[in-house]
Amino acid sequence: MRREPDYFEQQGDELVLLYIAKKLRDALAIEDLLTRSGVDYLVEVDYYIGGLIFRGERAGAFIYVPAPLRESAAALLIGQRFTPAALE
C-alpha cells in the first residue's frame, strides 16, 4: 500500500530503492502490483540523467520499499518483467 514518508519514519523502517519508473504507465503498474500484494511502499518524484542522443535530466517515479521487503518485492517485479534497481 502506498504510504507517506512519515509512516516509515514512525515505523523506524530503512527504505531502499526498488525501481525507477521512467514512464507513468510503468509506475502505475508497479503501484498496482505492490498494493495488490500488500507491500508498503513510497513513491517520490526525483530526477535522473537519461537519453542516448539528447542526454538530460528527466523526472521519474522513484519507488522505495522497507529493506526487509526488498527481495520479495523485487521478485514480484521480475515476475512481471520489470528489472528492479540494483542494490548498492
N, C-alpha and C. Protein backbone atom coordinates (compact mmCIF):
# COMPACT_ATOMS: atom_id res chain seq x y z
N MET A 1 0.83 -1.16 0.00
CA MET A 1 0.00 0.00 0.00
C MET A 1 0.89 1.24 0.00
N ARG A 2 0.51 2.23 -0.78
CA ARG A 2 1.30 3.46 -0.87
C ARG A 2 1.21 4.21 0.46
N ARG A 3 2.36 4.62 0.96
CA ARG A 3 2.44 5.32 2.24
C ARG A 3 3.19 6.64 2.06
N GLU A 4 3.03 7.50 3.05
CA GLU A 4 3.74 8.77 3.10
C GLU A 4 5.06 8.58 3.85
N PRO A 5 6.03 9.47 3.64
CA PRO A 5 7.33 9.32 4.31
C PRO A 5 7.24 9.23 5.83
N ASP A 6 6.32 9.98 6.44
CA ASP A 6 6.24 9.97 7.91
C ASP A 6 5.80 8.61 8.46
N TYR A 7 5.07 7.83 7.66
CA TYR A 7 4.67 6.48 8.09
C TYR A 7 5.92 5.63 8.33
N PHE A 8 6.86 5.69 7.41
CA PHE A 8 8.08 4.87 7.54
C PHE A 8 8.98 5.41 8.65
N GLU A 9 8.98 6.73 8.85
CA GLU A 9 9.76 7.30 9.95
C GLU A 9 9.22 6.82 11.29
N GLN A 10 7.89 6.80 11.43
CA GLN A 10 7.28 6.33 12.68
C GLN A 10 7.57 4.85 12.92
N GLN A 11 7.62 4.08 11.84
CA GLN A 11 7.89 2.65 11.95
C GLN A 11 9.37 2.37 12.19
N GLY A 12 10.22 3.35 11.89
CA GLY A 12 11.66 3.17 12.00
C GLY A 12 12.24 2.32 10.89
N ASP A 13 11.53 2.26 9.75
CA ASP A 13 11.98 1.44 8.62
C ASP A 13 13.01 2.18 7.77
N GLU A 14 14.06 1.46 7.40
CA GLU A 14 15.01 1.97 6.43
C GLU A 14 14.47 1.64 5.04
N LEU A 15 14.38 2.64 4.17
CA LEU A 15 13.86 2.42 2.83
C LEU A 15 15.00 2.22 1.84
N VAL A 16 14.77 1.34 0.87
CA VAL A 16 15.74 1.10 -0.19
C VAL A 16 15.03 1.26 -1.53
N LEU A 17 15.77 1.70 -2.52
CA LEU A 17 15.22 1.91 -3.85
C LEU A 17 14.88 0.57 -4.50
N LEU A 18 13.65 0.45 -4.98
CA LEU A 18 13.22 -0.76 -5.66
C LEU A 18 13.23 -0.57 -7.17
N TYR A 19 12.75 0.59 -7.63
CA TYR A 19 12.59 0.78 -9.07
C TYR A 19 12.52 2.26 -9.40
N ILE A 20 13.03 2.63 -10.57
CA ILE A 20 12.87 3.99 -11.09
C ILE A 20 11.98 3.87 -12.33
N ALA A 21 10.75 4.34 -12.21
CA ALA A 21 9.81 4.28 -13.33
C ALA A 21 10.00 5.53 -14.18
N LYS A 22 10.36 5.30 -15.43
CA LYS A 22 10.58 6.41 -16.34
C LYS A 22 9.32 6.75 -17.13
N LYS A 23 8.34 5.86 -17.07
CA LYS A 23 7.06 6.06 -17.75
C LYS A 23 5.94 5.96 -16.72
N LEU A 24 4.94 6.80 -16.86
CA LEU A 24 3.80 6.79 -15.95
C LEU A 24 3.12 5.44 -15.96
N ARG A 25 2.99 4.83 -17.13
CA ARG A 25 2.34 3.52 -17.26
C ARG A 25 3.05 2.48 -16.39
N ASP A 26 4.38 2.50 -16.38
CA ASP A 26 5.14 1.55 -15.56
C ASP A 26 4.94 1.83 -14.08
N ALA A 27 4.97 3.11 -13.70
CA ALA A 27 4.78 3.47 -12.29
C ALA A 27 3.43 2.99 -11.79
N LEU A 28 2.39 3.21 -12.58
CA LEU A 28 1.04 2.79 -12.18
C LEU A 28 0.92 1.28 -12.09
N ALA A 29 1.54 0.57 -13.01
CA ALA A 29 1.50 -0.90 -12.99
C ALA A 29 2.21 -1.45 -11.76
N ILE A 30 3.35 -0.87 -11.40
CA ILE A 30 4.10 -1.34 -10.23
C ILE A 30 3.35 -1.00 -8.96
N GLU A 31 2.77 0.20 -8.89
CA GLU A 31 1.98 0.56 -7.72
C GLU A 31 0.81 -0.41 -7.54
N ASP A 32 0.15 -0.74 -8.61
CA ASP A 32 -0.97 -1.69 -8.53
C ASP A 32 -0.49 -3.05 -8.06
N LEU A 33 0.62 -3.52 -8.60
CA LEU A 33 1.19 -4.81 -8.21
C LEU A 33 1.54 -4.84 -6.73
N LEU A 34 2.23 -3.81 -6.25
CA LEU A 34 2.63 -3.78 -4.84
C LEU A 34 1.43 -3.66 -3.92
N THR A 35 0.44 -2.86 -4.31
CA THR A 35 -0.77 -2.71 -3.50
C THR A 35 -1.52 -4.03 -3.41
N ARG A 36 -1.71 -4.70 -4.54
CA ARG A 36 -2.41 -6.00 -4.54
C ARG A 36 -1.67 -7.05 -3.73
N SER A 37 -0.35 -6.91 -3.65
CA SER A 37 0.47 -7.88 -2.92
C SER A 37 0.64 -7.52 -1.45
N GLY A 38 0.09 -6.38 -1.03
CA GLY A 38 0.17 -5.99 0.37
C GLY A 38 1.52 -5.44 0.81
N VAL A 39 2.29 -4.92 -0.13
CA VAL A 39 3.62 -4.38 0.18
C VAL A 39 3.49 -2.87 0.42
N ASP A 40 4.00 -2.39 1.55
CA ASP A 40 4.05 -0.95 1.81
C ASP A 40 5.20 -0.37 1.00
N TYR A 41 4.95 0.79 0.37
CA TYR A 41 5.97 1.42 -0.46
C TYR A 41 5.79 2.93 -0.45
N LEU A 42 6.83 3.61 -0.90
CA LEU A 42 6.84 5.06 -1.00
C LEU A 42 7.19 5.42 -2.44
N VAL A 43 6.49 6.41 -2.99
CA VAL A 43 6.80 6.91 -4.32
C VAL A 43 7.17 8.38 -4.20
N GLU A 44 8.31 8.73 -4.77
CA GLU A 44 8.75 10.13 -4.80
C GLU A 44 9.20 10.47 -6.22
N VAL A 45 8.85 11.66 -6.65
CA VAL A 45 9.33 12.13 -7.93
C VAL A 45 10.74 12.68 -7.71
N ASP A 46 11.66 12.23 -8.54
CA ASP A 46 13.04 12.69 -8.46
C ASP A 46 13.58 12.76 -9.88
N TYR A 47 14.80 13.15 -10.02
CA TYR A 47 15.40 13.33 -11.34
C TYR A 47 16.54 12.36 -11.57
N TYR A 48 16.68 11.95 -12.82
CA TYR A 48 17.76 11.06 -13.25
C TYR A 48 18.29 11.58 -14.59
N ILE A 49 19.47 11.14 -14.97
CA ILE A 49 20.05 11.51 -16.27
C ILE A 49 19.69 10.42 -17.26
N GLY A 50 19.09 10.81 -18.39
CA GLY A 50 18.67 9.82 -19.37
C GLY A 50 18.87 10.32 -20.79
N GLY A 51 18.65 9.40 -21.72
CA GLY A 51 18.77 9.72 -23.14
C GLY A 51 20.11 9.31 -23.70
N LEU A 52 20.09 8.81 -24.91
CA LEU A 52 21.34 8.42 -25.57
C LEU A 52 21.89 9.56 -26.42
N ILE A 53 21.05 10.13 -27.24
CA ILE A 53 21.49 11.21 -28.12
C ILE A 53 21.31 12.56 -27.42
N PHE A 54 20.13 12.77 -26.88
CA PHE A 54 19.82 14.02 -26.19
C PHE A 54 19.80 13.77 -24.69
N ARG A 55 20.99 13.69 -24.12
CA ARG A 55 21.10 13.44 -22.68
C ARG A 55 20.60 14.64 -21.90
N GLY A 56 19.94 14.33 -20.82
CA GLY A 56 19.45 15.42 -19.98
C GLY A 56 18.80 14.89 -18.73
N GLU A 57 18.42 15.81 -17.90
CA GLU A 57 17.79 15.47 -16.63
C GLU A 57 16.30 15.26 -16.88
N ARG A 58 15.77 14.15 -16.38
CA ARG A 58 14.37 13.81 -16.57
C ARG A 58 13.76 13.41 -15.24
N ALA A 59 12.46 13.59 -15.13
CA ALA A 59 11.75 13.23 -13.90
C ALA A 59 11.26 11.79 -14.00
N GLY A 60 11.30 11.10 -12.88
CA GLY A 60 10.81 9.73 -12.81
C GLY A 60 10.19 9.46 -11.45
N ALA A 61 9.48 8.37 -11.36
CA ALA A 61 8.89 7.95 -10.09
C ALA A 61 9.84 6.96 -9.43
N PHE A 62 10.42 7.36 -8.33
CA PHE A 62 11.34 6.50 -7.58
C PHE A 62 10.52 5.75 -6.54
N ILE A 63 10.53 4.44 -6.61
CA ILE A 63 9.72 3.60 -5.73
C ILE A 63 10.62 2.93 -4.71
N TYR A 64 10.30 3.15 -3.43
CA TYR A 64 11.08 2.63 -2.32
C TYR A 64 10.25 1.66 -1.50
N VAL A 65 10.91 0.66 -0.92
CA VAL A 65 10.27 -0.29 -0.01
C VAL A 65 11.15 -0.44 1.23
N PRO A 66 10.58 -0.91 2.35
CA PRO A 66 11.40 -1.20 3.52
C PRO A 66 12.46 -2.25 3.18
N ALA A 67 13.65 -2.10 3.73
CA ALA A 67 14.76 -3.00 3.41
C ALA A 67 14.42 -4.48 3.57
N PRO A 68 13.70 -4.90 4.64
CA PRO A 68 13.40 -6.34 4.77
C PRO A 68 12.48 -6.89 3.66
N LEU A 69 11.74 -6.01 2.99
CA LEU A 69 10.81 -6.46 1.94
C LEU A 69 11.41 -6.36 0.55
N ARG A 70 12.64 -5.89 0.44
CA ARG A 70 13.23 -5.61 -0.85
C ARG A 70 13.30 -6.84 -1.75
N GLU A 71 13.76 -7.95 -1.23
CA GLU A 71 13.93 -9.15 -2.06
C GLU A 71 12.59 -9.70 -2.55
N SER A 72 11.60 -9.75 -1.68
CA SER A 72 10.29 -10.27 -2.10
C SER A 72 9.61 -9.32 -3.08
N ALA A 73 9.77 -8.00 -2.87
CA ALA A 73 9.19 -7.02 -3.80
C ALA A 73 9.90 -7.10 -5.15
N ALA A 74 11.21 -7.29 -5.14
CA ALA A 74 11.96 -7.43 -6.39
C ALA A 74 11.51 -8.66 -7.16
N ALA A 75 11.22 -9.74 -6.45
CA ALA A 75 10.73 -10.97 -7.10
C ALA A 75 9.38 -10.72 -7.77
N LEU A 76 8.53 -9.92 -7.13
CA LEU A 76 7.25 -9.57 -7.74
C LEU A 76 7.46 -8.82 -9.05
N LEU A 77 8.39 -7.87 -9.04
CA LEU A 77 8.66 -7.09 -10.25
C LEU A 77 9.21 -7.97 -11.36
N ILE A 78 10.14 -8.85 -11.01
CA ILE A 78 10.73 -9.74 -12.01
C ILE A 78 9.65 -10.62 -12.63
N GLY A 79 8.70 -11.07 -11.82
CA GLY A 79 7.60 -11.88 -12.32
C GLY A 79 6.74 -11.14 -13.34
N GLN A 80 6.77 -9.82 -13.31
CA GLN A 80 6.01 -9.01 -14.26
C GLN A 80 6.91 -8.38 -15.32
N ARG A 81 8.14 -8.90 -15.42
CA ARG A 81 9.12 -8.48 -16.43
C ARG A 81 9.66 -7.06 -16.24
N PHE A 82 9.67 -6.58 -15.00
CA PHE A 82 10.34 -5.32 -14.66
C PHE A 82 11.68 -5.66 -14.05
N THR A 83 12.68 -4.84 -14.29
CA THR A 83 14.01 -5.07 -13.72
C THR A 83 14.20 -4.13 -12.53
N PRO A 84 14.29 -4.68 -11.31
CA PRO A 84 14.48 -3.84 -10.13
C PRO A 84 15.81 -3.10 -10.17
N ALA A 85 15.86 -2.00 -9.42
CA ALA A 85 17.12 -1.26 -9.28
C ALA A 85 18.14 -2.15 -8.58
N ALA A 86 19.38 -2.01 -8.96
CA ALA A 86 20.45 -2.81 -8.37
C ALA A 86 20.71 -2.37 -6.92
N LEU A 87 21.01 -3.32 -6.07
CA LEU A 87 21.39 -3.00 -4.71
C LEU A 87 22.79 -2.42 -4.73
N GLU A 88 23.01 -1.42 -3.89
CA GLU A 88 24.34 -0.81 -3.84
C GLU A 88 25.12 -1.36 -2.69
